C-alpha atoms as a PDB file:
ATOM      1  CA  UNK A   1       5.212   4.132  14.193  1.00  0.00           C
ATOM      2  CA  UNK A   2       7.616   1.893  12.345  1.00  0.00           C
ATOM      3  CA  UNK A   3       7.629   2.346   8.569  1.00  0.00           C
ATOM      4  CA  UNK A   4       6.123  -0.198   6.188  1.00  0.00           C
ATOM      5  CA  UNK A   5       8.246   1.235   3.383  1.00  0.00           C
ATOM      6  CA  UNK A   6       6.847   1.987  -0.054  1.00  0.00           C
ATOM      7  CA  UNK A   7       5.242  -0.257  -2.659  1.00  0.00           C
ATOM      8  CA  UNK A   8       7.487  -1.222  -5.561  1.00  0.00           C
ATOM      9  CA  UNK A   9       4.716   0.133  -7.821  1.00  0.00           C
ATOM     10  CA  UNK A  10       5.897   3.658  -6.935  1.00  0.00           C
ATOM     11  CA  UNK A  11       9.024   2.959  -8.970  1.00  0.00           C
ATOM     12  CA  UNK A  12       6.858   2.437 -12.107  1.00  0.00           C
ATOM     13  CA  UNK A  13       6.105   6.185 -12.528  1.00  0.00           C
ATOM     14  CA  UNK A  14       9.854   6.895 -12.374  1.00  0.00           C
ATOM     15  CA  UNK A  15      10.427   4.403 -15.196  1.00  0.00           C
ATOM     16  CA  UNK A  16       7.441   5.803 -17.116  1.00  0.00           C
ATOM     17  CA  UNK A  17       8.795   9.358 -16.822  1.00  0.00           C
ATOM     18  CA  UNK A  18      12.246   8.249 -17.984  1.00  0.00           C
ATOM     19  CA  UNK A  19      10.687   6.633 -21.085  1.00  0.00           C
ATOM     20  CA  UNK A  20       8.481   9.704 -21.582  1.00  0.00           C
ATOM     21  CA  UNK A  21      11.673  11.754 -21.794  1.00  0.00           C
ATOM     22  CA  UNK A  22      13.071   9.483 -24.499  1.00  0.00           C
ATOM     23  CA  UNK A  23      15.466   7.365 -22.430  1.00  0.00           C
ATOM     24  CA  UNK A  24      15.654   3.599 -21.926  1.00  0.00           C
ATOM     25  CA  UNK A  25      15.095   2.145 -18.468  1.00  0.00           C
ATOM     26  CA  UNK A  26      17.838  -0.506 -18.686  1.00  0.00           C
ATOM     27  CA  UNK A  27      20.736   1.997 -18.744  1.00  0.00           C
ATOM     28  CA  UNK A  28      19.027   3.906 -15.926  1.00  0.00           C
ATOM     29  CA  UNK A  29      18.786   0.795 -13.728  1.00  0.00           C
ATOM     30  CA  UNK A  30      22.464   0.177 -14.341  1.00  0.00           C
ATOM     31  CA  UNK A  31      23.284   3.846 -13.635  1.00  0.00           C
ATOM     32  CA  UNK A  32      21.248   3.790 -10.400  1.00  0.00           C
ATOM     33  CA  UNK A  33      22.406   0.291  -9.340  1.00  0.00           C
ATOM     34  CA  UNK A  34      18.756  -0.779  -9.155  1.00  0.00           C
ATOM     35  CA  UNK A  35      17.684  -4.409  -9.578  1.00  0.00           C
ATOM     36  CA  UNK A  36      14.915  -4.220 -12.190  1.00  0.00           C
ATOM     37  CA  UNK A  37      13.818  -7.769 -11.266  1.00  0.00           C
ATOM     38  CA  UNK A  38      12.195  -6.272  -8.146  1.00  0.00           C
ATOM     39  CA  UNK A  39       9.566  -4.710 -10.419  1.00  0.00           C
ATOM     40  CA  UNK A  40       8.251  -8.185 -11.283  1.00  0.00           C
ATOM     41  CA  UNK A  41       6.994  -8.794  -7.730  1.00  0.00           C
ATOM     42  CA  UNK A  42       3.922  -6.655  -7.055  1.00  0.00           C
ATOM     43  CA  UNK A  43       4.132  -7.481  -3.315  1.00  0.00           C
ATOM     44  CA  UNK A  44       7.685  -6.119  -3.018  1.00  0.00           C
ATOM     45  CA  UNK A  45       8.291  -3.066  -0.838  1.00  0.00           C
ATOM     46  CA  UNK A  46      11.391  -0.902  -0.617  1.00  0.00           C
ATOM     47  CA  UNK A  47      12.598   1.648   1.919  1.00  0.00           C
ATOM     48  CA  UNK A  48      11.357   5.221   1.476  1.00  0.00           C
ATOM     49  CA  UNK A  49      15.020   6.255   1.345  1.00  0.00           C
ATOM     50  CA  UNK A  50      15.506   3.984  -1.676  1.00  0.00           C
ATOM     51  CA  UNK A  51      12.618   5.674  -3.522  1.00  0.00           C
ATOM     52  CA  UNK A  52      14.156   9.073  -2.740  1.00  0.00           C
ATOM     53  CA  UNK A  53      17.540   7.838  -4.008  1.00  0.00           C
ATOM     54  CA  UNK A  54      15.981   6.616  -7.270  1.00  0.00           C
ATOM     55  CA  UNK A  55      14.184   9.939  -7.807  1.00  0.00           C
ATOM     56  CA  UNK A  56      17.428  11.870  -7.377  1.00  0.00           C
ATOM     57  CA  UNK A  57      19.263   9.385  -9.626  1.00  0.00           C
ATOM     58  CA  UNK A  58      16.550   9.768 -12.294  1.00  0.00           C
ATOM     59  CA  UNK A  59      16.878  13.566 -12.157  1.00  0.00           C
ATOM     60  CA  UNK A  60      20.632  13.268 -12.649  1.00  0.00           C
ATOM     61  CA  UNK A  61      20.311  10.591 -15.359  1.00  0.00           C
ATOM     62  CA  UNK A  62      17.833  12.627 -17.435  1.00  0.00           C
ATOM     63  CA  UNK A  63      19.522  15.931 -16.529  1.00  0.00           C
ATOM     64  CA  UNK A  64      16.118  17.283 -15.526  1.00  0.00           C
ATOM     65  CA  UNK A  65      16.398  19.562 -12.521  1.00  0.00           C
ATOM     66  CA  UNK A  66      12.588  19.390 -12.200  1.00  0.00           C
ATOM     67  CA  UNK A  67      12.166  15.619 -12.613  1.00  0.00           C
ATOM     68  CA  UNK A  68       9.710  15.217  -9.692  1.00  0.00           C
ATOM     69  CA  UNK A  69       7.621  18.155 -10.854  1.00  0.00           C
ATOM     70  CA  UNK A  70       7.368  16.699 -14.364  1.00  0.00           C
ATOM     71  CA  UNK A  71       6.701  13.169 -13.088  1.00  0.00           C
ATOM     72  CA  UNK A  72       3.729  14.460 -11.097  1.00  0.00           C
ATOM     73  CA  UNK A  73       2.336  16.064 -14.249  1.00  0.00           C
ATOM     74  CA  UNK A  74       1.906  12.714 -16.016  1.00  0.00           C
ATOM     75  CA  UNK A  75       0.580  10.767 -13.001  1.00  0.00           C
ATOM     76  CA  UNK A  76      -2.502   8.663 -13.725  1.00  0.00           C
ATOM     77  CA  UNK A  77      -4.917   7.007 -11.312  1.00  0.00           C
ATOM     78  CA  UNK A  78      -3.594   3.609 -12.404  1.00  0.00           C
ATOM     79  CA  UNK A  79      -0.142   4.621 -11.117  1.00  0.00           C
ATOM     80  CA  UNK A  80      -1.643   4.666  -7.611  1.00  0.00           C
ATOM     81  CA  UNK A  81      -3.143   1.180  -7.808  1.00  0.00           C
ATOM     82  CA  UNK A  82      -6.196   0.420  -5.681  1.00  0.00           C
ATOM     83  CA  UNK A  83      -5.847   3.765  -3.874  1.00  0.00           C
ATOM     84  CA  UNK A  84      -6.245   5.576  -7.209  1.00  0.00           C
ATOM     85  CA  UNK A  85      -9.438   3.659  -7.988  1.00  0.00           C
ATOM     86  CA  UNK A  86     -10.954   4.442  -4.571  1.00  0.00           C
ATOM     87  CA  UNK A  87     -10.212   8.138  -5.149  1.00  0.00           C
ATOM     88  CA  UNK A  88     -11.639   7.979  -8.666  1.00  0.00           C
ATOM     89  CA  UNK A  89     -14.993   6.667  -7.412  1.00  0.00           C
ATOM     90  CA  UNK A  90     -15.304   8.845  -4.298  1.00  0.00           C
ATOM     91  CA  UNK A  91     -18.256  11.258  -4.296  1.00  0.00           C
ATOM     92  CA  UNK A  92     -16.415  14.531  -3.730  1.00  0.00           C
ATOM     93  CA  UNK A  93     -12.850  15.866  -3.734  1.00  0.00           C
ATOM     94  CA  UNK A  94     -12.931  15.900   0.096  1.00  0.00           C
ATOM     95  CA  UNK A  95     -13.904  12.204   0.047  1.00  0.00           C
ATOM     96  CA  UNK A  96     -11.054  11.445  -2.366  1.00  0.00           C
ATOM     97  CA  UNK A  97      -8.546  13.260  -0.132  1.00  0.00           C
ATOM     98  CA  UNK A  98      -9.889  11.374   2.901  1.00  0.00           C
ATOM     99  CA  UNK A  99      -9.405   8.090   0.985  1.00  0.00           C
ATOM    100  CA  UNK A 100      -5.789   9.071   0.361  1.00  0.00           C
ATOM    101  CA  UNK A 101      -5.332   9.667   4.091  1.00  0.00           C
ATOM    102  CA  UNK A 102      -6.924   6.296   4.953  1.00  0.00           C
ATOM    103  CA  UNK A 103      -5.160   4.097   2.456  1.00  0.00           C
ATOM    104  CA  UNK A 104      -1.925   5.811   1.524  1.00  0.00           C
ATOM    105  CA  UNK A 105       0.004   3.322   3.683  1.00  0.00           C
ATOM    106  CA  UNK A 106      -0.715   0.794   0.888  1.00  0.00           C
ATOM    107  CA  UNK A 107       1.510   2.886  -1.385  1.00  0.00           C
ATOM    108  CA  UNK A 108       3.918   4.657   0.903  1.00  0.00           C
ATOM    109  CA  UNK A 109       3.899   4.891   4.653  1.00  0.00           C
ATOM    110  CA  UNK A 110       5.347   8.147   5.877  1.00  0.00           C
ATOM    111  CA  UNK A 111       4.225  10.399   3.020  1.00  0.00           C
ATOM    112  CA  UNK A 112       0.779  11.831   3.712  1.00  0.00           C
ATOM    113  CA  UNK A 113      -1.497  14.846   3.419  1.00  0.00           C
ATOM    114  CA  UNK A 114      -4.004  16.758   5.492  1.00  0.00           C
ATOM    115  CA  UNK A 115      -6.018  19.904   5.014  1.00  0.00           C
ATOM    116  CA  UNK A 116      -7.730  22.719   6.904  1.00  0.00           C
ATOM    117  CA  UNK A 117     -10.115  25.465   5.888  1.00  0.00           C
ATOM    118  CA  UNK A 118      -9.141  29.036   6.658  1.00  0.00           C
ATOM    119  CA  UNK A 119     -11.808  31.547   5.606  1.00  0.00           C
ATOM    120  CA  UNK A 120     -12.629  30.864   1.947  1.00  0.00           C
ATOM    121  CA  UNK A 121      -9.379  28.953   1.383  1.00  0.00           C
ATOM    122  CA  UNK A 122      -8.424  25.311   1.904  1.00  0.00           C
ATOM    123  CA  UNK A 123      -4.785  24.632   2.756  1.00  0.00           C
ATOM    124  CA  UNK A 124      -3.686  21.155   1.614  1.00  0.00           C
ATOM    125  CA  UNK A 125      -0.418  20.133   3.275  1.00  0.00           C
ATOM    126  CA  UNK A 126       1.868  17.328   2.083  1.00  0.00           C
ATOM    127  CA  UNK A 127       4.343  16.016   4.615  1.00  0.00           C
ATOM    128  CA  UNK A 128       6.458  13.117   5.801  1.00  0.00           C
ATOM    129  CA  UNK A 129       5.346  11.437   9.042  1.00  0.00           C
ATOM    130  CA  UNK A 130       8.779  10.107   9.981  1.00  0.00           C
ATOM    131  CA  UNK A 131      11.512  12.447  11.248  1.00  0.00           C
ATOM    132  CA  UNK A 132      13.417  14.075   8.423  1.00  0.00           C
ATOM    133  CA  UNK A 133      12.541  15.883   5.242  1.00  0.00           C
ATOM    134  CA  UNK A 134      11.492  14.629   1.812  1.00  0.00           C
ATOM    135  CA  UNK A 135      13.802  15.415  -1.075  1.00  0.00           C
ATOM    136  CA  UNK A 136      12.713  18.226  -3.368  1.00  0.00           C
ATOM    137  CA  UNK A 137      11.868  15.796  -6.172  1.00  0.00           C
ATOM    138  CA  UNK A 138       9.554  13.681  -3.961  1.00  0.00           C
ATOM    139  CA  UNK A 139       7.786  16.763  -2.563  1.00  0.00           C
ATOM    140  CA  UNK A 140       7.267  18.283  -5.997  1.00  0.00           C
ATOM    141  CA  UNK A 141       6.106  14.965  -7.465  1.00  0.00           C
ATOM    142  CA  UNK A 142       3.537  14.614  -4.677  1.00  0.00           C
ATOM    143  CA  UNK A 143       2.327  18.225  -4.926  1.00  0.00           C
ATOM    144  CA  UNK A 144       2.224  18.186  -8.727  1.00  0.00           C
ATOM    145  CA  UNK A 145       0.445  14.812  -8.971  1.00  0.00           C
ATOM    146  CA  UNK A 146      -2.062  15.780  -6.281  1.00  0.00           C
ATOM    147  CA  UNK A 147      -2.882  19.022  -8.101  1.00  0.00           C
ATOM    148  CA  UNK A 148      -3.276  17.205 -11.446  1.00  0.00           C
ATOM    149  CA  UNK A 149      -5.469  14.485  -9.932  1.00  0.00           C
ATOM    150  CA  UNK A 150      -7.803  16.973  -8.220  1.00  0.00           C
ATOM    151  CA  UNK A 151      -8.291  18.621 -11.611  1.00  0.00           C
ATOM    152  CA  UNK A 152      -8.946  15.286 -13.315  1.00  0.00           C
ATOM    153  CA  UNK A 153     -11.315  14.082 -10.586  1.00  0.00           C
ATOM    154  CA  UNK A 154     -13.452  17.220 -10.781  1.00  0.00           C
ATOM    155  CA  UNK A 155     -12.988  17.762 -14.545  1.00  0.00           C
ATOM    156  CA  UNK A 156     -12.317  21.438 -13.778  1.00  0.00           C
ATOM    157  CA  UNK A 157      -9.415  23.797 -13.968  1.00  0.00           C
ATOM    158  CA  UNK A 158      -8.441  24.477 -10.347  1.00  0.00           C
ATOM    159  CA  UNK A 159      -6.748  27.878  -9.876  1.00  0.00           C
ATOM    160  CA  UNK A 160      -4.135  27.833  -7.120  1.00  0.00           C
ATOM    161  CA  UNK A 161      -4.239  30.865  -4.873  1.00  0.00           C
ATOM    162  CA  UNK A 162      -0.722  30.131  -3.612  1.00  0.00           C
ATOM    163  CA  UNK A 163       1.768  27.299  -3.139  1.00  0.00           C
ATOM    164  CA  UNK A 164       4.720  27.020  -0.793  1.00  0.00           C
ATOM    165  CA  UNK A 165       7.576  24.549  -0.366  1.00  0.00           C
ATOM    166  CA  UNK A 166       9.921  23.940   2.547  1.00  0.00           C
ATOM    167  CA  UNK A 167      12.948  23.383   0.268  1.00  0.00           C
ATOM    168  CA  UNK A 168      15.080  26.096  -1.267  1.00  0.00           C
ATOM    169  CA  UNK A 169      14.311  27.476  -4.719  1.00  0.00           C
ATOM    170  CA  UNK A 170      16.134  25.858  -7.656  1.00  0.00           C
ATOM    171  CA  UNK A 171      18.052  28.060 -10.080  1.00  0.00           C
ATOM    172  CA  UNK A 172      15.221  28.008 -12.648  1.00  0.00           C
ATOM    173  CA  UNK A 173      11.688  28.612 -11.342  1.00  0.00           C
ATOM    174  CA  UNK A 174       9.990  29.053 -14.749  1.00  0.00           C
ATOM    175  CA  UNK A 175       8.782  25.403 -15.047  1.00  0.00           C
ATOM    176  CA  UNK A 176       6.441  25.890 -12.063  1.00  0.00           C
ATOM    177  CA  UNK A 177       4.272  28.313 -14.035  1.00  0.00           C
ATOM    178  CA  UNK A 178       3.362  25.610 -16.569  1.00  0.00           C
ATOM    179  CA  UNK A 179       2.400  23.170 -13.802  1.00  0.00           C
ATOM    180  CA  UNK A 180       0.801  25.342 -11.123  1.00  0.00           C
ATOM    181  CA  UNK A 181       0.024  28.596 -12.913  1.00  0.00           C
ATOM    182  CA  UNK A 182       2.134  30.398 -10.320  1.00  0.00           C
ATOM    183  CA  UNK A 183       5.671  30.368  -8.914  1.00  0.00           C
ATOM    184  CA  UNK A 184       5.797  28.836  -5.419  1.00  0.00           C
ATOM    185  CA  UNK A 185       7.226  30.460  -2.334  1.00  0.00           C
ATOM    186  CA  UNK A 186      10.288  28.544  -1.175  1.00  0.00           C
ATOM    187  CA  UNK A 187      12.156  27.993   2.122  1.00  0.00           C
ATOM    188  CA  UNK A 188       8.860  28.036   4.036  1.00  0.00           C
ATOM    189  CA  UNK A 189       7.939  25.996   7.111  1.00  0.00           C
ATOM    190  CA  UNK A 190       5.760  23.466   5.254  1.00  0.00           C
ATOM    191  CA  UNK A 191       4.655  22.234   1.822  1.00  0.00           C
ATOM    192  CA  UNK A 192       1.164  23.643   1.209  1.00  0.00           C
ATOM    193  CA  UNK A 193      -1.216  24.160  -1.731  1.00  0.00           C
ATOM    194  CA  UNK A 194      -3.823  26.924  -1.320  1.00  0.00           C
ATOM    195  CA  UNK A 195      -7.096  26.835  -3.256  1.00  0.00           C
ATOM    196  CA  UNK A 196     -10.753  27.778  -2.862  1.00  0.00           C
ATOM    197  CA  UNK A 197     -12.516  25.766  -0.139  1.00  0.00           C
ATOM    198  CA  UNK A 198     -15.291  25.158  -2.709  1.00  0.00           C
ATOM    199  CA  UNK A 199     -12.964  22.598  -4.325  1.00  0.00           C
ATOM    200  CA  UNK A 200     -13.604  20.196  -1.417  1.00  0.00           C
ATOM    201  CA  UNK A 201     -17.283  19.919  -2.391  1.00  0.00           C
ATOM    202  CA  UNK A 202     -16.726  19.482  -6.133  1.00  0.00           C
ATOM    203  CA  UNK A 203     -18.309  16.188  -7.252  1.00  0.00           C
ATOM    204  CA  UNK A 204     -16.002  13.550  -8.707  1.00  0.00           C
ATOM    205  CA  UNK A 205     -16.766  13.059 -12.377  1.00  0.00           C
ATOM    206  CA  UNK A 206     -16.109   9.281 -12.431  1.00  0.00           C
ATOM    207  CA  UNK A 207     -17.901   8.444  -9.157  1.00  0.00           C
ATOM    208  CA  UNK A 208     -19.706   5.089  -9.138  1.00  0.00           C
ATOM    209  CA  UNK A 209     -21.008   3.980  -5.715  1.00  0.00           C
ATOM    210  CA  UNK A 210     -21.045   0.275  -6.615  1.00  0.00           C
ATOM    211  CA  UNK A 211     -17.446   0.312  -7.817  1.00  0.00           C
ATOM    212  CA  UNK A 212     -16.459   2.382  -4.787  1.00  0.00           C
ATOM    213  CA  UNK A 213     -17.745  -0.378  -2.475  1.00  0.00           C
ATOM    214  CA  UNK A 214     -15.721  -2.982  -4.381  1.00  0.00           C
ATOM    215  CA  UNK A 215     -12.490  -0.976  -4.424  1.00  0.00           C
ATOM    216  CA  UNK A 216     -12.907   0.231  -0.833  1.00  0.00           C
ATOM    217  CA  UNK A 217     -13.247  -3.378   0.370  1.00  0.00           C
ATOM    218  CA  UNK A 218     -10.062  -4.371  -1.451  1.00  0.00           C
ATOM    219  CA  UNK A 219      -8.234  -1.311  -0.102  1.00  0.00           C
ATOM    220  CA  UNK A 220      -9.316  -2.067   3.483  1.00  0.00           C
ATOM    221  CA  UNK A 221      -8.215  -5.702   3.198  1.00  0.00           C
ATOM    222  CA  UNK A 222      -4.879  -4.716   1.644  1.00  0.00           C
ATOM    223  CA  UNK A 223      -4.231  -2.110   4.338  1.00  0.00           C
ATOM    224  CA  UNK A 224      -5.194  -4.521   7.136  1.00  0.00           C
ATOM    225  CA  UNK A 225      -2.972  -7.277   5.731  1.00  0.00           C
ATOM    226  CA  UNK A 226      -0.075  -4.846   5.488  1.00  0.00           C
ATOM    227  CA  UNK A 227      -0.571  -3.651   9.056  1.00  0.00           C
ATOM    228  CA  UNK A 228      -0.972  -7.239  10.298  1.00  0.00           C
ATOM    229  CA  UNK A 229       2.142  -8.447   8.467  1.00  0.00           C
ATOM    230  CA  UNK A 230       4.109  -5.730  10.218  1.00  0.00           C
ATOM    231  CA  UNK A 231       3.054  -7.006  13.654  1.00  0.00           C
ATOM    232  CA  UNK A 232       5.243  -9.686  15.218  1.00  0.00           C
ATOM    233  CA  UNK A 233       2.272 -12.092  15.199  1.00  0.00           C
ATOM    234  CA  UNK A 234       1.862 -11.473  11.469  1.00  0.00           C
ATOM    235  CA  UNK A 235       5.506 -12.381  10.895  1.00  0.00           C
ATOM    236  CA  UNK A 236       5.054 -15.597  12.893  1.00  0.00           C
ATOM    237  CA  UNK A 237       1.976 -16.491  10.806  1.00  0.00           C
ATOM    238  CA  UNK A 238       3.944 -15.997   7.577  1.00  0.00           C
ATOM    239  CA  UNK A 239       6.754 -18.175   8.947  1.00  0.00           C
ATOM    240  CA  UNK A 240       4.290 -20.945   9.832  1.00  0.00           C
ATOM    241  CA  UNK A 241       2.770 -20.845   6.335  1.00  0.00           C
ATOM    242  CA  UNK A 242       6.192 -21.160   4.685  1.00  0.00           C
ATOM    243  CA  UNK A 243       6.896 -24.249   6.823  1.00  0.00           C
ATOM    244  CA  UNK A 244       3.574 -26.016   6.200  1.00  0.00           C
ATOM    245  CA  UNK A 245       4.520 -27.791   2.945  1.00  0.00           C
ATOM    246  CA  UNK A 246       7.316 -29.615   4.815  1.00  0.00           C
ATOM    247  CA  UNK A 247       6.358 -29.629   8.499  1.00  0.00           C
ATOM    248  CA  UNK A 248       4.254 -27.839  11.088  1.00  0.00           C
ATOM    249  CA  UNK A 249       6.681 -25.861  13.256  1.00  0.00           C
ATOM    250  CA  UNK A 250       6.757 -26.284  17.024  1.00  0.00           C
ATOM    251  CA  UNK A 251       7.021 -23.365  19.411  1.00  0.00           C
ATOM    252  CA  UNK A 252      10.702 -24.163  19.923  1.00  0.00           C
ATOM    253  CA  UNK A 253      11.449 -24.302  16.172  1.00  0.00           C
ATOM    254  CA  UNK A 254       9.649 -20.989  15.697  1.00  0.00           C
ATOM    255  CA  UNK A 255      11.617 -19.368  18.521  1.00  0.00           C
ATOM    256  CA  UNK A 256      14.907 -20.579  16.997  1.00  0.00           C
ATOM    257  CA  UNK A 257      13.892 -19.136  13.616  1.00  0.00           C
ATOM    258  CA  UNK A 258      13.265 -15.735  15.251  1.00  0.00           C
ATOM    259  CA  UNK A 259      16.560 -15.917  17.197  1.00  0.00           C
ATOM    260  CA  UNK A 260      14.844 -15.828  20.572  1.00  0.00           C
ATOM    261  CA  UNK A 261      13.724 -18.143  23.375  1.00  0.00           C
ATOM    262  CA  UNK A 262      10.302 -19.790  23.477  1.00  0.00           C
ATOM    263  CA  UNK A 263       9.473 -17.765  26.576  1.00  0.00           C
ATOM    264  CA  UNK A 264      10.401 -14.429  24.941  1.00  0.00           C
ATOM    265  CA  UNK A 265       8.469 -15.334  21.797  1.00  0.00           C
ATOM    266  CA  UNK A 266       5.342 -16.068  23.859  1.00  0.00           C
ATOM    267  CA  UNK A 267       5.821 -12.790  25.772  1.00  0.00           C
ATOM    268  CA  UNK A 268       6.021 -10.806  22.520  1.00  0.00           C
ATOM    269  CA  UNK A 269       2.877 -12.508  21.220  1.00  0.00           C
ATOM    270  CA  UNK A 270       1.099 -11.806  24.526  1.00  0.00           C
ATOM    271  CA  UNK A 271       1.728  -8.083  23.952  1.00  0.00           C
ATOM    272  CA  UNK A 272      -0.367  -8.469  20.776  1.00  0.00           C
ATOM    273  CA  UNK A 273      -3.099 -10.360  22.687  1.00  0.00           C
ATOM    274  CA  UNK A 274      -2.333 -13.733  21.144  1.00  0.00           C
ATOM    275  CA  UNK A 275      -0.203 -16.848  21.697  1.00  0.00           C
ATOM    276  CA  UNK A 276       1.696 -19.439  19.696  1.00  0.00           C
ATOM    277  CA  UNK A 277      -1.195 -21.866  20.144  1.00  0.00           C
ATOM    278  CA  UNK A 278      -3.762 -19.275  18.943  1.00  0.00           C
ATOM    279  CA  UNK A 279      -1.692 -18.610  15.829  1.00  0.00           C
ATOM    280  CA  UNK A 280      -1.140 -22.291  15.042  1.00  0.00           C
ATOM    281  CA  UNK A 281      -4.901 -22.902  15.266  1.00  0.00           C
ATOM    282  CA  UNK A 282      -5.585 -19.848  13.095  1.00  0.00           C
ATOM    283  CA  UNK A 283      -3.135 -20.943  10.388  1.00  0.00           C
ATOM    284  CA  UNK A 284      -4.428 -24.513  10.279  1.00  0.00           C
ATOM    285  CA  UNK A 285      -8.059 -23.357  10.284  1.00  0.00           C
ATOM    286  CA  UNK A 286      -7.520 -20.831   7.453  1.00  0.00           C
ATOM    287  CA  UNK A 287      -5.656 -23.384   5.333  1.00  0.00           C
ATOM    288  CA  UNK A 288      -8.205 -26.121   6.074  1.00  0.00           C
ATOM    289  CA  UNK A 289     -11.070 -23.907   4.926  1.00  0.00           C
ATOM    290  CA  UNK A 290      -9.221 -22.915   1.740  1.00  0.00           C
ATOM    291  CA  UNK A 291      -8.408 -26.581   0.965  1.00  0.00           C
ATOM    292  CA  UNK A 292     -12.001 -27.725   1.608  1.00  0.00           C
ATOM    293  CA  UNK A 293     -13.186 -25.254  -1.028  1.00  0.00           C
ATOM    294  CA  UNK A 294     -11.017 -27.137  -3.553  1.00  0.00           C
ATOM    295  CA  UNK A 295     -13.257 -30.139  -4.042  1.00  0.00           C
ATOM    296  CA  UNK A 296     -10.530 -32.297  -5.625  1.00  0.00           C
ATOM    297  CA  UNK A 297      -8.713 -32.579  -2.238  1.00  0.00           C
ATOM    298  CA  UNK A 298      -9.918 -35.467  -0.062  1.00  0.00           C
ATOM    299  CA  UNK A 299     -10.314 -34.897   3.677  1.00  0.00           C
ATOM    300  CA  UNK A 300      -7.471 -37.365   4.203  1.00  0.00           C
ATOM    301  CA  UNK A 301      -5.264 -35.326   1.862  1.00  0.00           C
ATOM    302  CA  UNK A 302      -6.026 -32.160   3.806  1.00  0.00           C
ATOM    303  CA  UNK A 303      -5.308 -33.826   7.161  1.00  0.00           C
ATOM    304  CA  UNK A 304      -1.950 -35.007   5.760  1.00  0.00           C
ATOM    305  CA  UNK A 305      -1.135 -31.576   4.257  1.00  0.00           C
ATOM    306  CA  UNK A 306      -1.786 -29.886   7.596  1.00  0.00           C
ATOM    307  CA  UNK A 307       0.380 -32.466   9.435  1.00  0.00           C
ATOM    308  CA  UNK A 308      -2.318 -34.048  11.592  1.00  0.00           C
ATOM    309  CA  UNK A 309      -1.431 -37.518  12.888  1.00  0.00           C
ATOM    310  CA  UNK A 310      -4.531 -39.003  11.240  1.00  0.00           C
ATOM    311  CA  UNK A 311      -7.759 -37.857   9.504  1.00  0.00           C
ATOM    312  CA  UNK A 312      -9.818 -38.359  12.691  1.00  0.00           C
ATOM    313  CA  UNK A 313      -7.568 -35.869  14.566  1.00  0.00           C
ATOM    314  CA  UNK A 314      -8.168 -33.311  11.808  1.00  0.00           C
ATOM    315  CA  UNK A 315     -11.929 -33.983  11.848  1.00  0.00           C
ATOM    316  CA  UNK A 316     -12.233 -33.450  15.603  1.00  0.00           C
ATOM    317  CA  UNK A 317     -10.045 -30.304  15.482  1.00  0.00           C
ATOM    318  CA  UNK A 318     -12.101 -28.826  12.622  1.00  0.00           C
ATOM    319  CA  UNK A 319     -15.366 -29.522  14.467  1.00  0.00           C
ATOM    320  CA  UNK A 320     -13.945 -27.772  17.530  1.00  0.00           C
ATOM    321  CA  UNK A 321     -13.015 -24.727  15.400  1.00  0.00           C
ATOM    322  CA  UNK A 322     -16.225 -24.419  13.388  1.00  0.00           C
ATOM    323  CA  UNK A 323     -18.924 -26.571  14.989  1.00  0.00           C
ATOM    324  CA  UNK A 324     -19.027 -28.677  11.801  1.00  0.00           C
ATOM    325  CA  UNK A 325     -17.128 -31.685  10.526  1.00  0.00           C
ATOM    326  CA  UNK A 326     -15.039 -31.153   7.368  1.00  0.00           C
ATOM    327  CA  UNK A 327     -17.611 -33.229   5.474  1.00  0.00           C
ATOM    328  CA  UNK A 328     -20.513 -31.069   6.682  1.00  0.00           C
ATOM    329  CA  UNK A 329     -18.601 -27.897   5.806  1.00  0.00           C
ATOM    330  CA  UNK A 330     -17.855 -29.212   2.309  1.00  0.00           C
ATOM    331  CA  UNK A 331     -21.502 -30.242   1.787  1.00  0.00           C
ATOM    332  CA  UNK A 332     -22.505 -26.689   2.678  1.00  0.00           C
ATOM    333  CA  UNK A 333     -20.045 -25.355   0.077  1.00  0.00           C
ATOM    334  CA  UNK A 334     -21.528 -27.650  -2.590  1.00  0.00           C
ATOM    335  CA  UNK A 335     -24.937 -26.133  -1.894  1.00  0.00           C
ATOM    336  CA  UNK A 336     -23.422 -22.665  -2.438  1.00  0.00           C
ATOM    337  CA  UNK A 337     -21.118 -23.157  -5.455  1.00  0.00           C
ATOM    338  CA  UNK A 338     -20.297 -19.438  -5.731  1.00  0.00           C
ATOM    339  CA  UNK A 339     -18.559 -19.535  -2.328  1.00  0.00           C
ATOM    340  CA  UNK A 340     -16.383 -22.434  -3.453  1.00  0.00           C
ATOM    341  CA  UNK A 341     -14.837 -20.177  -6.066  1.00  0.00           C
ATOM    342  CA  UNK A 342     -13.856 -17.470  -3.585  1.00  0.00           C
END
């Protein structure tokens, strides 16, 4: 599976940890050759390798050999965005871990966890799905934050029976005692936390079923949008939407933009069970519906904005898509004012 990269929000905890240690972020960004302006765009994603590079740079900048370990210690649910809120309102620790598995692609594709019960012990493994190995700082941040969050979710002290890492031991292993209550085993096959299997059934202190439904819906939509945007058809849809203010792109113009022939473009879309025509209808239909909910746009304005030759062409196309004329659809919205605000 091709990587979706990592959300820019995962750089925030690095900046927070740097400030927590008494340093300013501006000199760090300069030191790490990182464009801080990227942090202003919540939709931005960076390569997993870039996150690893920034973690290592932060460790060097702060001269903290255990930067990842310490960053994990101060992780909050808010640092994980919508995923954190789904975990916070799950019913049990097992449910929260399952939510992480389901939605972690929103934060960082490639880094994940799983678990298995062996006797009275649960083994929680953190790993990278792509070939290669996570840097020590990323592994320790993930293990440390996961351990802290399980404790916060359950409002209990969770004794670790054991912990092992695949990387080699650093020179100083004392800091692990303060975080995990034990010194890990190093140079092992995998990165694993061992604790009582009872932990999986601990109830989550903050759990609220109504809020869970809200956050889970948002998480599902965000994940689906991310997965869709990564498909070729998703990229074509985004291209069409960027063109709409000026023109509605033809198949040929779209093919030129993607540096391919019209025939190859159609073949690639066919592999995803769609076509250029299907996508053009979908884009126009979605935009038409969103414009009709804004009652200050006339139907003529919408027809013009969507590059129909005349309002009657838009009206017949919309009726074909929905079984209603634009006017009938808008009248229905007026009778349900809440929907118009969506």
